[in-house]
Amino acid sequence: MKTNIFGVCNFCKTNPRLSYGYRCRECLREYAQIYRKKNCKYQNEHRRKAYAVRRQKMTPQQKKKFNENVRKYIKLRIEKMTHQQKEEYKDRRKNKYYPKRNKIAEKNYQRNYHWKLRLDIISAYGGKCKCCGETTPEFLSLEHSKGDGQIHRKQNGGGTVLYRLLKKKRYPKNRGLQILCYNCNLSKGFLGYCPHKEKRPLQRDKLHQK
């Protein structure tokens, strides 16, 4: 049993103890570090629960003030850091919010997800080119019959984002969307008509006639 000597730390027996407890400042820091490592998960969970309860009771003005104070505190901490500490802080944030992933597997997953969405949209809007009847999915594309494709993509995004939105809205029919092959879509976009349905003399033919 360790006997308490008044005014001296019970553990190192050299430094003067604090006014509360039986440890000096250095021993208390060592004990706190060991305790944090052992009970890290429990402390984090307890803090999150306490913060969630406190956040629910806050008014919108109090939330704004709280967020502003947190940002100011973080800025002050970063200003006081050395160059090495700043780099370590950036690495910690990257590992926390952007964990390391297998880039090849992630790209393959994105491609497969995009292709599945594309096949669902092609089948929902007919499954073939409305002009020439082409059924190969690699040759098909989504076309705006009203000519507002650029506006629609600016408002909602294009590619996978647009496909996901259409699937979420259960493939709306009132948007003027239809499936065309790339040949029909491009000829309709550049020339204003599709040669499969309407044949017009090209500009080069007019020049030869002159």
N, C-alpha and C. Protein backbone atom coordinates (compact mmCIF):
# COMPACT_ATOMS: atom_id res chain seq x y z
N MET A 1 0.84 -1.19 0.00
CA MET A 1 0.00 0.00 0.00
C MET A 1 0.88 1.25 0.00
N LYS A 2 0.48 2.23 -0.83
CA LYS A 2 1.24 3.47 -0.91
C LYS A 2 0.69 4.47 0.11
N THR A 3 1.53 4.91 0.96
CA THR A 3 1.10 5.88 1.98
C THR A 3 1.16 7.28 1.38
N ASN A 4 0.22 8.10 1.76
CA ASN A 4 0.12 9.46 1.25
C ASN A 4 1.01 10.39 2.07
N ILE A 5 1.99 11.00 1.41
CA ILE A 5 2.82 12.03 2.05
C ILE A 5 2.24 13.38 1.64
N PHE A 6 1.88 14.20 2.59
CA PHE A 6 1.20 15.46 2.30
C PHE A 6 2.10 16.38 1.47
N GLY A 7 1.54 16.85 0.31
CA GLY A 7 2.26 17.80 -0.52
C GLY A 7 3.13 17.16 -1.58
N VAL A 8 3.28 15.80 -1.61
CA VAL A 8 4.13 15.12 -2.60
C VAL A 8 3.27 14.09 -3.33
N CYS A 9 3.58 13.90 -4.62
CA CYS A 9 2.83 12.94 -5.46
C CYS A 9 3.01 11.53 -4.90
N ASN A 10 1.93 10.74 -4.82
CA ASN A 10 1.96 9.38 -4.28
C ASN A 10 2.63 8.39 -5.24
N PHE A 11 2.77 8.77 -6.53
CA PHE A 11 3.27 7.83 -7.53
C PHE A 11 4.74 8.04 -7.84
N CYS A 12 5.12 9.27 -8.19
CA CYS A 12 6.55 9.52 -8.47
C CYS A 12 7.33 9.92 -7.21
N LYS A 13 6.64 10.45 -6.18
CA LYS A 13 7.21 10.84 -4.89
C LYS A 13 8.34 11.88 -5.01
N THR A 14 8.27 12.66 -6.09
CA THR A 14 9.27 13.72 -6.25
C THR A 14 8.61 15.08 -6.46
N ASN A 15 7.64 15.14 -7.35
CA ASN A 15 6.97 16.41 -7.67
C ASN A 15 5.87 16.70 -6.66
N PRO A 16 5.56 17.97 -6.45
CA PRO A 16 4.44 18.31 -5.55
C PRO A 16 3.10 17.96 -6.19
N ARG A 17 2.22 17.41 -5.37
CA ARG A 17 0.92 17.00 -5.90
C ARG A 17 0.01 18.21 -6.07
N LEU A 18 -1.02 18.03 -6.88
CA LEU A 18 -2.00 19.10 -7.11
C LEU A 18 -2.91 19.25 -5.90
N SER A 19 -3.67 20.35 -5.87
CA SER A 19 -4.55 20.60 -4.73
C SER A 19 -5.69 19.59 -4.65
N TYR A 20 -5.99 18.92 -5.80
CA TYR A 20 -7.02 17.89 -5.82
C TYR A 20 -6.34 16.56 -6.20
N GLY A 21 -6.72 15.48 -5.57
CA GLY A 21 -6.17 14.16 -5.89
C GLY A 21 -4.81 13.91 -5.26
N TYR A 22 -4.18 12.78 -5.68
CA TYR A 22 -2.90 12.36 -5.09
C TYR A 22 -1.80 12.30 -6.14
N ARG A 23 -1.99 12.95 -7.31
CA ARG A 23 -1.00 12.93 -8.38
C ARG A 23 -0.47 14.33 -8.65
N CYS A 24 0.74 14.35 -9.20
CA CYS A 24 1.29 15.61 -9.71
C CYS A 24 0.76 15.83 -11.14
N ARG A 25 1.11 16.94 -11.77
CA ARG A 25 0.60 17.27 -13.09
C ARG A 25 1.08 16.27 -14.15
N GLU A 26 2.36 15.88 -14.08
CA GLU A 26 2.92 14.95 -15.08
C GLU A 26 2.29 13.56 -14.96
N CYS A 27 2.15 13.06 -13.77
CA CYS A 27 1.53 11.74 -13.56
C CYS A 27 0.07 11.74 -13.98
N LEU A 28 -0.60 12.87 -13.72
CA LEU A 28 -2.00 12.98 -14.11
C LEU A 28 -2.15 12.95 -15.64
N ARG A 29 -1.23 13.60 -16.37
CA ARG A 29 -1.26 13.58 -17.83
C ARG A 29 -1.04 12.17 -18.38
N GLU A 30 -0.06 11.46 -17.80
CA GLU A 30 0.20 10.08 -18.22
C GLU A 30 -1.03 9.19 -17.99
N TYR A 31 -1.65 9.34 -16.81
CA TYR A 31 -2.84 8.54 -16.49
C TYR A 31 -3.99 8.88 -17.45
N ALA A 32 -4.14 10.18 -17.78
CA ALA A 32 -5.22 10.61 -18.69
C ALA A 32 -5.02 10.03 -20.09
N GLN A 33 -3.76 10.00 -20.57
CA GLN A 33 -3.48 9.43 -21.89
C GLN A 33 -3.82 7.94 -21.95
N ILE A 34 -3.42 7.21 -20.89
CA ILE A 34 -3.71 5.77 -20.83
C ILE A 34 -5.22 5.53 -20.77
N TYR A 35 -5.92 6.35 -19.99
CA TYR A 35 -7.38 6.19 -19.85
C TYR A 35 -8.09 6.47 -21.17
N ARG A 36 -7.62 7.51 -21.91
CA ARG A 36 -8.24 7.85 -23.20
C ARG A 36 -8.08 6.72 -24.21
N LYS A 37 -6.88 6.13 -24.25
CA LYS A 37 -6.63 5.04 -25.19
C LYS A 37 -7.52 3.83 -24.89
N LYS A 38 -7.69 3.53 -23.60
CA LYS A 38 -8.50 2.37 -23.22
C LYS A 38 -9.98 2.59 -23.49
N ASN A 39 -10.47 3.79 -23.20
CA ASN A 39 -11.91 4.08 -23.27
C ASN A 39 -12.26 5.05 -24.40
N CYS A 40 -11.52 4.98 -25.50
CA CYS A 40 -11.72 5.92 -26.61
C CYS A 40 -13.11 5.76 -27.23
N LYS A 41 -13.51 4.52 -27.54
CA LYS A 41 -14.80 4.26 -28.18
C LYS A 41 -15.96 4.69 -27.29
N TYR A 42 -15.86 4.35 -26.00
CA TYR A 42 -16.93 4.72 -25.07
C TYR A 42 -17.06 6.23 -24.96
N GLN A 43 -15.94 6.95 -24.90
CA GLN A 43 -15.97 8.41 -24.78
C GLN A 43 -16.57 9.06 -26.01
N ASN A 44 -16.19 8.57 -27.18
CA ASN A 44 -16.73 9.12 -28.43
C ASN A 44 -18.23 8.93 -28.53
N GLU A 45 -18.69 7.73 -28.19
CA GLU A 45 -20.14 7.45 -28.22
C GLU A 45 -20.88 8.34 -27.22
N HIS A 46 -20.33 8.47 -26.05
CA HIS A 46 -20.96 9.31 -25.01
C HIS A 46 -21.03 10.76 -25.46
N ARG A 47 -19.96 11.26 -26.10
CA ARG A 47 -19.95 12.64 -26.58
C ARG A 47 -20.96 12.85 -27.69
N ARG A 48 -21.04 11.89 -28.61
CA ARG A 48 -22.00 12.02 -29.72
C ARG A 48 -23.44 12.06 -29.21
N LYS A 49 -23.76 11.20 -28.27
CA LYS A 49 -25.12 11.17 -27.71
C LYS A 49 -25.43 12.48 -26.99
N ALA A 50 -24.49 12.95 -26.19
CA ALA A 50 -24.69 14.21 -25.46
C ALA A 50 -24.84 15.39 -26.41
N TYR A 51 -24.03 15.39 -27.49
CA TYR A 51 -24.10 16.47 -28.48
C TYR A 51 -25.44 16.44 -29.22
N ALA A 52 -25.94 15.22 -29.56
CA ALA A 52 -27.22 15.10 -30.27
C ALA A 52 -28.37 15.62 -29.41
N VAL A 53 -28.35 15.31 -28.12
CA VAL A 53 -29.40 15.78 -27.20
C VAL A 53 -29.34 17.30 -27.08
N ARG A 54 -28.12 17.83 -26.95
CA ARG A 54 -27.96 19.28 -26.81
C ARG A 54 -28.35 20.01 -28.10
N ARG A 55 -28.05 19.38 -29.26
CA ARG A 55 -28.35 19.99 -30.55
C ARG A 55 -29.86 20.08 -30.80
N GLN A 56 -30.60 19.08 -30.34
CA GLN A 56 -32.06 19.09 -30.52
C GLN A 56 -32.72 20.22 -29.74
N LYS A 57 -32.17 20.55 -28.60
CA LYS A 57 -32.76 21.60 -27.75
C LYS A 57 -32.41 23.01 -28.23
N MET A 58 -31.43 23.12 -29.14
CA MET A 58 -30.99 24.44 -29.61
C MET A 58 -32.01 25.06 -30.56
N THR A 59 -32.10 26.38 -30.53
CA THR A 59 -32.88 27.13 -31.51
C THR A 59 -32.00 27.36 -32.76
N PRO A 60 -32.58 27.74 -33.91
CA PRO A 60 -31.76 28.00 -35.11
C PRO A 60 -30.68 29.06 -34.90
N GLN A 61 -30.96 30.09 -34.12
CA GLN A 61 -29.96 31.13 -33.83
C GLN A 61 -28.80 30.56 -33.01
N GLN A 62 -29.14 29.73 -32.02
CA GLN A 62 -28.10 29.12 -31.19
C GLN A 62 -27.21 28.18 -32.02
N LYS A 63 -27.82 27.46 -32.98
CA LYS A 63 -27.05 26.57 -33.86
C LYS A 63 -26.06 27.36 -34.70
N LYS A 64 -26.52 28.50 -35.25
CA LYS A 64 -25.63 29.35 -36.05
C LYS A 64 -24.45 29.84 -35.22
N LYS A 65 -24.73 30.33 -34.02
CA LYS A 65 -23.67 30.83 -33.14
C LYS A 65 -22.69 29.71 -32.79
N PHE A 66 -23.24 28.54 -32.50
CA PHE A 66 -22.40 27.39 -32.14
C PHE A 66 -21.46 27.02 -33.30
N ASN A 67 -22.01 26.98 -34.51
CA ASN A 67 -21.20 26.64 -35.69
C ASN A 67 -20.11 27.69 -35.95
N GLU A 68 -20.47 28.97 -35.78
CA GLU A 68 -19.48 30.05 -35.95
C GLU A 68 -18.35 29.93 -34.93
N ASN A 69 -18.69 29.64 -33.68
CA ASN A 69 -17.67 29.49 -32.63
C ASN A 69 -16.75 28.31 -32.92
N VAL A 70 -17.32 27.21 -33.43
CA VAL A 70 -16.50 26.03 -33.77
C VAL A 70 -15.52 26.37 -34.89
N ARG A 71 -16.00 27.09 -35.93
CA ARG A 71 -15.12 27.48 -37.04
C ARG A 71 -13.99 28.39 -36.57
N LYS A 72 -14.34 29.36 -35.70
CA LYS A 72 -13.31 30.27 -35.17
C LYS A 72 -12.26 29.50 -34.37
N TYR A 73 -12.73 28.56 -33.54
CA TYR A 73 -11.82 27.76 -32.71
C TYR A 73 -10.88 26.94 -33.59
N ILE A 74 -11.41 26.34 -34.66
CA ILE A 74 -10.57 25.52 -35.57
C ILE A 74 -9.54 26.40 -36.28
N LYS A 75 -9.97 27.59 -36.74
CA LYS A 75 -9.03 28.52 -37.40
C LYS A 75 -7.89 28.92 -36.47
N LEU A 76 -8.23 29.25 -35.22
CA LEU A 76 -7.20 29.64 -34.25
C LEU A 76 -6.21 28.51 -33.99
N ARG A 77 -6.75 27.29 -33.90
CA ARG A 77 -5.88 26.13 -33.67
C ARG A 77 -4.93 25.90 -34.84
N ILE A 78 -5.46 26.05 -36.07
CA ILE A 78 -4.63 25.84 -37.26
C ILE A 78 -3.55 26.91 -37.37
N GLU A 79 -3.89 28.16 -37.00
CA GLU A 79 -2.90 29.25 -37.05
C GLU A 79 -1.74 29.01 -36.07
N LYS A 80 -2.03 28.42 -34.93
CA LYS A 80 -0.99 28.17 -33.93
C LYS A 80 -0.13 26.95 -34.27
N MET A 81 -0.59 26.11 -35.19
CA MET A 81 0.14 24.89 -35.52
C MET A 81 1.41 25.19 -36.30
N THR A 82 2.38 24.29 -36.16
CA THR A 82 3.58 24.34 -36.99
C THR A 82 3.27 23.71 -38.36
N HIS A 83 4.24 23.79 -39.28
CA HIS A 83 4.05 23.22 -40.62
C HIS A 83 3.83 21.70 -40.57
N GLN A 84 4.60 21.04 -39.72
CA GLN A 84 4.48 19.58 -39.60
C GLN A 84 3.13 19.20 -39.00
N GLN A 85 2.69 19.93 -37.99
CA GLN A 85 1.40 19.65 -37.36
C GLN A 85 0.24 19.86 -38.34
N LYS A 86 0.36 20.89 -39.21
CA LYS A 86 -0.67 21.13 -40.22
C LYS A 86 -0.78 19.97 -41.21
N GLU A 87 0.37 19.45 -41.63
CA GLU A 87 0.36 18.30 -42.54
C GLU A 87 -0.26 17.07 -41.90
N GLU A 88 0.07 16.83 -40.63
CA GLU A 88 -0.51 15.70 -39.90
C GLU A 88 -2.02 15.87 -39.76
N TYR A 89 -2.46 17.09 -39.50
CA TYR A 89 -3.90 17.38 -39.37
C TYR A 89 -4.63 17.11 -40.69
N LYS A 90 -4.02 17.53 -41.82
CA LYS A 90 -4.61 17.28 -43.14
C LYS A 90 -4.71 15.78 -43.44
N ASP A 91 -3.66 15.04 -43.09
CA ASP A 91 -3.67 13.59 -43.31
C ASP A 91 -4.76 12.92 -42.48
N ARG A 92 -4.93 13.37 -41.24
CA ARG A 92 -5.97 12.79 -40.38
C ARG A 92 -7.36 13.05 -40.94
N ARG A 93 -7.59 14.24 -41.44
CA ARG A 93 -8.89 14.58 -42.03
C ARG A 93 -9.15 13.76 -43.30
N LYS A 94 -8.10 13.58 -44.12
CA LYS A 94 -8.25 12.78 -45.34
C LYS A 94 -8.61 11.34 -45.00
N ASN A 95 -7.90 10.76 -44.02
CA ASN A 95 -8.17 9.37 -43.64
C ASN A 95 -9.53 9.20 -42.99
N LYS A 96 -10.02 10.27 -42.34
CA LYS A 96 -11.32 10.20 -41.66
C LYS A 96 -12.47 10.30 -42.65
N TYR A 97 -12.43 11.32 -43.52
CA TYR A 97 -13.55 11.59 -44.42
C TYR A 97 -13.38 10.94 -45.79
N TYR A 98 -12.13 10.70 -46.21
CA TYR A 98 -11.87 10.08 -47.51
C TYR A 98 -10.96 8.87 -47.32
N PRO A 99 -11.49 7.75 -46.81
CA PRO A 99 -10.63 6.59 -46.57
C PRO A 99 -10.06 6.03 -47.87
N LYS A 100 -8.90 5.36 -47.74
CA LYS A 100 -8.24 4.81 -48.93
C LYS A 100 -9.07 3.68 -49.52
N ARG A 101 -9.27 3.73 -50.83
CA ARG A 101 -10.06 2.70 -51.51
C ARG A 101 -9.27 2.13 -52.68
N ASN A 102 -9.73 0.98 -53.15
CA ASN A 102 -9.15 0.38 -54.34
C ASN A 102 -9.73 1.11 -55.55
N LYS A 103 -8.88 1.91 -56.24
CA LYS A 103 -9.37 2.77 -57.31
C LYS A 103 -9.91 1.96 -58.50
N ILE A 104 -9.26 0.84 -58.82
CA ILE A 104 -9.69 0.01 -59.95
C ILE A 104 -11.06 -0.59 -59.67
N ALA A 105 -11.23 -1.12 -58.45
CA ALA A 105 -12.52 -1.72 -58.07
C ALA A 105 -13.62 -0.66 -58.05
N GLU A 106 -13.27 0.56 -57.59
CA GLU A 106 -14.26 1.64 -57.53
C GLU A 106 -14.70 2.06 -58.94
N LYS A 107 -13.73 2.14 -59.88
CA LYS A 107 -14.07 2.49 -61.27
C LYS A 107 -14.96 1.44 -61.91
N ASN A 108 -14.63 0.16 -61.66
CA ASN A 108 -15.44 -0.93 -62.21
C ASN A 108 -16.86 -0.90 -61.65
N TYR A 109 -16.97 -0.60 -60.34
CA TYR A 109 -18.30 -0.51 -59.73
C TYR A 109 -19.11 0.63 -60.35
N GLN A 110 -18.47 1.80 -60.57
CA GLN A 110 -19.16 2.95 -61.16
C GLN A 110 -19.62 2.65 -62.59
N ARG A 111 -18.76 1.97 -63.37
CA ARG A 111 -19.12 1.63 -64.74
C ARG A 111 -20.32 0.67 -64.77
N ASN A 112 -20.25 -0.36 -63.90
CA ASN A 112 -21.36 -1.33 -63.86
C ASN A 112 -22.65 -0.67 -63.42
N TYR A 113 -22.57 0.22 -62.44
CA TYR A 113 -23.76 0.92 -61.94
C TYR A 113 -24.36 1.80 -63.04
N HIS A 114 -23.49 2.54 -63.75
CA HIS A 114 -23.94 3.41 -64.85
C HIS A 114 -24.59 2.56 -65.96
N TRP A 115 -23.98 1.44 -66.28
CA TRP A 115 -24.51 0.58 -67.36
C TRP A 115 -25.87 -0.01 -66.98
N LYS A 116 -26.05 -0.42 -65.73
CA LYS A 116 -27.35 -0.96 -65.28
C LYS A 116 -28.44 0.11 -65.37
N LEU A 117 -28.11 1.33 -64.92
CA LEU A 117 -29.08 2.44 -65.01
C LEU A 117 -29.46 2.71 -66.47
N ARG A 118 -28.46 2.67 -67.34
CA ARG A 118 -28.67 2.95 -68.76
C ARG A 118 -29.60 1.90 -69.39
N LEU A 119 -29.36 0.63 -69.06
CA LEU A 119 -30.21 -0.46 -69.59
C LEU A 119 -31.65 -0.32 -69.09
N ASP A 120 -31.81 0.06 -67.81
CA ASP A 120 -33.16 0.26 -67.25
C ASP A 120 -33.90 1.36 -67.99
N ILE A 121 -33.21 2.46 -68.30
CA ILE A 121 -33.84 3.59 -68.98
C ILE A 121 -34.18 3.24 -70.42
N ILE A 122 -33.28 2.51 -71.10
CA ILE A 122 -33.55 2.10 -72.48
C ILE A 122 -34.78 1.20 -72.55
N SER A 123 -34.88 0.25 -71.62
CA SER A 123 -36.04 -0.66 -71.61
C SER A 123 -37.32 0.07 -71.22
N ALA A 124 -37.20 1.11 -70.32
CA ALA A 124 -38.39 1.85 -69.88
C ALA A 124 -38.95 2.72 -70.99
N TYR A 125 -38.10 3.24 -71.89
CA TYR A 125 -38.55 4.13 -72.97
C TYR A 125 -38.62 3.44 -74.33
N GLY A 126 -38.83 2.12 -74.33
CA GLY A 126 -39.10 1.43 -75.59
C GLY A 126 -38.13 0.33 -75.94
N GLY A 127 -36.86 0.47 -75.58
CA GLY A 127 -35.87 -0.57 -75.83
C GLY A 127 -35.29 -0.60 -77.23
N LYS A 128 -35.68 0.33 -78.09
CA LYS A 128 -35.15 0.38 -79.46
C LYS A 128 -35.24 1.80 -80.00
N CYS A 129 -34.53 2.05 -81.08
CA CYS A 129 -34.55 3.38 -81.72
C CYS A 129 -35.92 3.63 -82.32
N LYS A 130 -36.50 4.76 -81.99
CA LYS A 130 -37.85 5.08 -82.47
C LYS A 130 -37.87 5.37 -83.96
N CYS A 131 -36.71 5.68 -84.54
CA CYS A 131 -36.64 6.04 -85.95
C CYS A 131 -36.33 4.83 -86.85
N CYS A 132 -35.18 4.17 -86.57
CA CYS A 132 -34.73 3.07 -87.45
C CYS A 132 -34.94 1.69 -86.84
N GLY A 133 -35.29 1.58 -85.55
CA GLY A 133 -35.55 0.29 -84.92
C GLY A 133 -34.32 -0.44 -84.42
N GLU A 134 -33.19 0.26 -84.26
CA GLU A 134 -31.96 -0.37 -83.74
C GLU A 134 -32.16 -0.80 -82.29
N THR A 135 -31.73 -2.04 -81.95
CA THR A 135 -31.95 -2.59 -80.61
C THR A 135 -30.66 -2.80 -79.82
N THR A 136 -29.49 -2.66 -80.44
CA THR A 136 -28.22 -2.86 -79.72
C THR A 136 -28.03 -1.72 -78.72
N PRO A 137 -27.95 -2.03 -77.41
CA PRO A 137 -27.91 -0.95 -76.41
C PRO A 137 -26.69 -0.05 -76.51
N GLU A 138 -25.57 -0.56 -77.04
CA GLU A 138 -24.35 0.28 -77.18
C GLU A 138 -24.55 1.41 -78.17
N PHE A 139 -25.49 1.24 -79.14
CA PHE A 139 -25.72 2.25 -80.17
C PHE A 139 -26.85 3.23 -79.81
N LEU A 140 -27.53 2.99 -78.70
CA LEU A 140 -28.72 3.78 -78.36
C LEU A 140 -28.38 4.92 -77.40
N SER A 141 -29.21 5.96 -77.44
CA SER A 141 -29.04 7.13 -76.56
C SER A 141 -30.40 7.73 -76.23
N LEU A 142 -30.42 8.57 -75.21
CA LEU A 142 -31.65 9.25 -74.78
C LEU A 142 -31.73 10.61 -75.47
N GLU A 143 -32.89 10.89 -76.07
CA GLU A 143 -33.04 12.13 -76.85
C GLU A 143 -34.24 12.92 -76.36
N HIS A 144 -34.09 14.25 -76.33
CA HIS A 144 -35.18 15.15 -75.96
C HIS A 144 -35.88 15.60 -77.24
N SER A 145 -37.09 15.14 -77.44
CA SER A 145 -37.82 15.45 -78.68
C SER A 145 -38.22 16.92 -78.75
N LYS A 146 -38.33 17.60 -77.59
CA LYS A 146 -38.71 19.02 -77.58
C LYS A 146 -37.52 19.95 -77.82
N GLY A 147 -36.31 19.39 -77.84
CA GLY A 147 -35.11 20.20 -78.08
C GLY A 147 -34.62 20.97 -76.87
N ASP A 148 -35.03 20.56 -75.67
CA ASP A 148 -34.62 21.26 -74.44
C ASP A 148 -33.64 20.42 -73.62
N GLY A 149 -32.83 19.64 -74.30
CA GLY A 149 -31.90 18.75 -73.60
C GLY A 149 -30.84 19.51 -72.82
N GLN A 150 -30.32 20.58 -73.39
CA GLN A 150 -29.28 21.35 -72.72
C GLN A 150 -29.80 22.01 -71.45
N ILE A 151 -31.01 22.55 -71.51
CA ILE A 151 -31.63 23.19 -70.33
C ILE A 151 -31.89 22.15 -69.25
N HIS A 152 -32.39 20.99 -69.67
CA HIS A 152 -32.69 19.91 -68.72
C HIS A 152 -31.42 19.42 -68.01
N ARG A 153 -30.31 19.32 -68.76
CA ARG A 153 -29.05 18.86 -68.16
C ARG A 153 -28.45 19.92 -67.24
N LYS A 154 -28.63 21.21 -67.58
CA LYS A 154 -28.13 22.28 -66.72
C LYS A 154 -28.86 22.31 -65.38
N GLN A 155 -30.16 22.06 -65.43
CA GLN A 155 -30.97 22.11 -64.21
C GLN A 155 -30.73 20.90 -63.32
N ASN A 156 -30.63 19.70 -63.92
CA ASN A 156 -30.61 18.47 -63.15
C ASN A 156 -29.31 17.68 -63.25
N GLY A 157 -28.43 18.03 -64.19
CA GLY A 157 -27.21 17.25 -64.39
C GLY A 157 -27.39 16.25 -65.53
N GLY A 158 -26.28 15.68 -65.96
CA GLY A 158 -26.33 14.73 -67.06
C GLY A 158 -25.70 13.41 -66.69
N GLY A 159 -25.75 12.44 -67.61
CA GLY A 159 -25.14 11.13 -67.37
C GLY A 159 -25.83 10.36 -66.27
N THR A 160 -25.03 9.84 -65.34
CA THR A 160 -25.56 9.00 -64.25
C THR A 160 -26.53 9.77 -63.37
N VAL A 161 -26.27 11.05 -63.16
CA VAL A 161 -27.15 11.88 -62.30
C VAL A 161 -28.54 11.97 -62.93
N LEU A 162 -28.60 12.18 -64.25
CA LEU A 162 -29.87 12.28 -64.95
C LEU A 162 -30.60 10.94 -64.95
N TYR A 163 -29.87 9.85 -65.17
CA TYR A 163 -30.48 8.52 -65.16
C TYR A 163 -31.08 8.19 -63.79
N ARG A 164 -30.35 8.57 -62.74
CA ARG A 164 -30.83 8.29 -61.38
C ARG A 164 -32.09 9.09 -61.08
N LEU A 165 -32.12 10.33 -61.56
CA LEU A 165 -33.30 11.19 -61.34
C LEU A 165 -34.52 10.64 -62.06
N LEU A 166 -34.34 10.19 -63.30
CA LEU A 166 -35.46 9.63 -64.06
C LEU A 166 -35.98 8.35 -63.42
N LYS A 167 -35.07 7.53 -62.91
CA LYS A 167 -35.50 6.30 -62.23
C LYS A 167 -36.26 6.61 -60.95
N LYS A 168 -35.80 7.66 -60.24
CA LYS A 168 -36.47 8.05 -58.99
C LYS A 168 -37.90 8.55 -59.28
N LYS A 169 -38.07 9.27 -60.41
CA LYS A 169 -39.39 9.78 -60.78
C LYS A 169 -40.22 8.77 -61.58
N ARG A 170 -39.73 7.52 -61.65
CA ARG A 170 -40.44 6.43 -62.34
C ARG A 170 -40.63 6.69 -63.82
N TYR A 171 -39.57 7.17 -64.46
CA TYR A 171 -39.50 7.34 -65.90
C TYR A 171 -40.68 8.15 -66.46
N PRO A 172 -40.71 9.45 -66.22
CA PRO A 172 -41.86 10.27 -66.67
C PRO A 172 -41.97 10.30 -68.20
N LYS A 173 -43.21 10.24 -68.68
CA LYS A 173 -43.47 10.22 -70.13
C LYS A 173 -43.76 11.61 -70.69
N ASN A 174 -44.02 12.57 -69.82
CA ASN A 174 -44.41 13.92 -70.28
C ASN A 174 -43.22 14.84 -70.51
N ARG A 175 -41.99 14.34 -70.39
CA ARG A 175 -40.80 15.16 -70.61
C ARG A 175 -40.37 15.21 -72.07
N GLY A 176 -41.00 14.41 -72.92
CA GLY A 176 -40.63 14.36 -74.33
C GLY A 176 -39.34 13.59 -74.57
N LEU A 177 -39.08 12.57 -73.74
CA LEU A 177 -37.89 11.75 -73.88
C LEU A 177 -38.18 10.53 -74.73
N GLN A 178 -37.21 10.15 -75.57
CA GLN A 178 -37.34 8.96 -76.40
C GLN A 178 -35.97 8.38 -76.68
N ILE A 179 -35.95 7.14 -77.15
CA ILE A 179 -34.70 6.46 -77.44
C ILE A 179 -34.42 6.55 -78.94
N LEU A 180 -33.21 7.03 -79.27
CA LEU A 180 -32.73 7.07 -80.66
C LEU A 180 -31.32 6.51 -80.70
N CYS A 181 -30.95 5.96 -81.85
CA CYS A 181 -29.55 5.56 -82.03
C CYS A 181 -28.72 6.83 -82.24
N TYR A 182 -27.40 6.69 -82.11
CA TYR A 182 -26.52 7.87 -82.20
C TYR A 182 -26.58 8.52 -83.59
N ASN A 183 -26.73 7.71 -84.63
CA ASN A 183 -26.82 8.28 -85.99
C ASN A 183 -28.04 9.18 -86.13
N CYS A 184 -29.20 8.64 -85.70
CA CYS A 184 -30.44 9.42 -85.82
C CYS A 184 -30.42 10.65 -84.91
N ASN A 185 -29.86 10.48 -83.71
CA ASN A 185 -29.81 11.59 -82.74
C ASN A 185 -28.91 12.71 -83.26
N LEU A 186 -27.73 12.37 -83.77
CA LEU A 186 -26.80 13.39 -84.27
C LEU A 186 -27.33 14.07 -85.53
N SER A 187 -27.90 13.30 -86.44
CA SER A 187 -28.44 13.91 -87.65
C SER A 187 -29.60 14.85 -87.32
N LYS A 188 -30.41 14.46 -86.33
CA LYS A 188 -31.52 15.33 -85.92
C LYS A 188 -31.00 16.59 -85.25
N GLY A 189 -29.88 16.46 -84.49
CA GLY A 189 -29.32 17.61 -83.80
C GLY A 189 -28.61 18.57 -84.74
N PHE A 190 -27.82 18.03 -85.68
CA PHE A 190 -27.03 18.89 -86.58
C PHE A 190 -27.83 19.37 -87.80
N LEU A 191 -28.63 18.46 -88.37
CA LEU A 191 -29.34 18.80 -89.61
C LEU A 191 -30.79 19.24 -89.38
N GLY A 192 -31.35 18.80 -88.24
CA GLY A 192 -32.75 19.15 -87.96
C GLY A 192 -33.74 18.12 -88.44
N TYR A 193 -33.28 17.04 -89.05
CA TYR A 193 -34.16 15.96 -89.51
C TYR A 193 -33.34 14.67 -89.57
N CYS A 194 -34.05 13.53 -89.67
CA CYS A 194 -33.38 12.23 -89.77
C CYS A 194 -33.55 11.70 -91.20
N PRO A 195 -32.48 11.27 -91.87
CA PRO A 195 -32.58 10.78 -93.25
C PRO A 195 -33.42 9.52 -93.41
N HIS A 196 -33.63 8.78 -92.30
CA HIS A 196 -34.45 7.57 -92.41
C HIS A 196 -35.91 7.91 -92.72
N LYS A 197 -36.39 9.03 -92.21
CA LYS A 197 -37.80 9.41 -92.40
C LYS A 197 -37.97 10.44 -93.52
N GLU A 198 -37.03 11.34 -93.62
CA GLU A 198 -37.15 12.44 -94.58
C GLU A 198 -35.82 12.62 -95.31
N LYS A 199 -35.85 12.59 -96.62
CA LYS A 199 -34.63 12.75 -97.42
C LYS A 199 -34.63 14.13 -98.06
N ARG A 200 -33.60 14.90 -97.73
CA ARG A 200 -33.45 16.23 -98.31
C ARG A 200 -32.10 16.31 -99.04
N PRO A 201 -32.00 17.15 -100.06
CA PRO A 201 -30.71 17.30 -100.75
C PRO A 201 -29.70 18.01 -99.86
N LEU A 202 -28.50 17.47 -99.78
CA LEU A 202 -27.45 18.07 -98.97
C LEU A 202 -26.90 19.33 -99.63
N GLN A 203 -26.15 20.12 -98.89
CA GLN A 203 -25.58 21.36 -99.42
C GLN A 203 -24.57 21.08 -100.53
N ARG A 204 -23.82 19.98 -100.41
CA ARG A 204 -22.83 19.65 -101.43
C ARG A 204 -23.50 19.29 -102.76
N ASP A 205 -24.70 18.62 -102.66
CA ASP A 205 -25.44 18.30 -103.89
C ASP A 205 -25.95 19.57 -104.57
N LYS A 206 -26.35 20.53 -103.79
CA LYS A 206 -26.81 21.82 -104.35
C LYS A 206 -25.66 22.53 -105.07
N LEU A 207 -24.48 22.45 -104.47
CA LEU A 207 -23.32 23.10 -105.08
C LEU A 207 -22.94 22.45 -106.41
N HIS A 208 -23.06 21.08 -106.46
CA HIS A 208 -22.73 20.37 -107.70
C HIS A 208 -23.74 20.73 -108.81
N GLN A 209 -25.03 20.90 -108.41
CA GLN A 209 -26.06 21.23 -109.40
C GLN A 209 -25.80 22.59 -110.01
N LYS A 210 -25.28 23.54 -109.21
CA LYS A 210 -25.00 24.89 -109.71
C LYS A 210 -23.84 24.84 -110.71
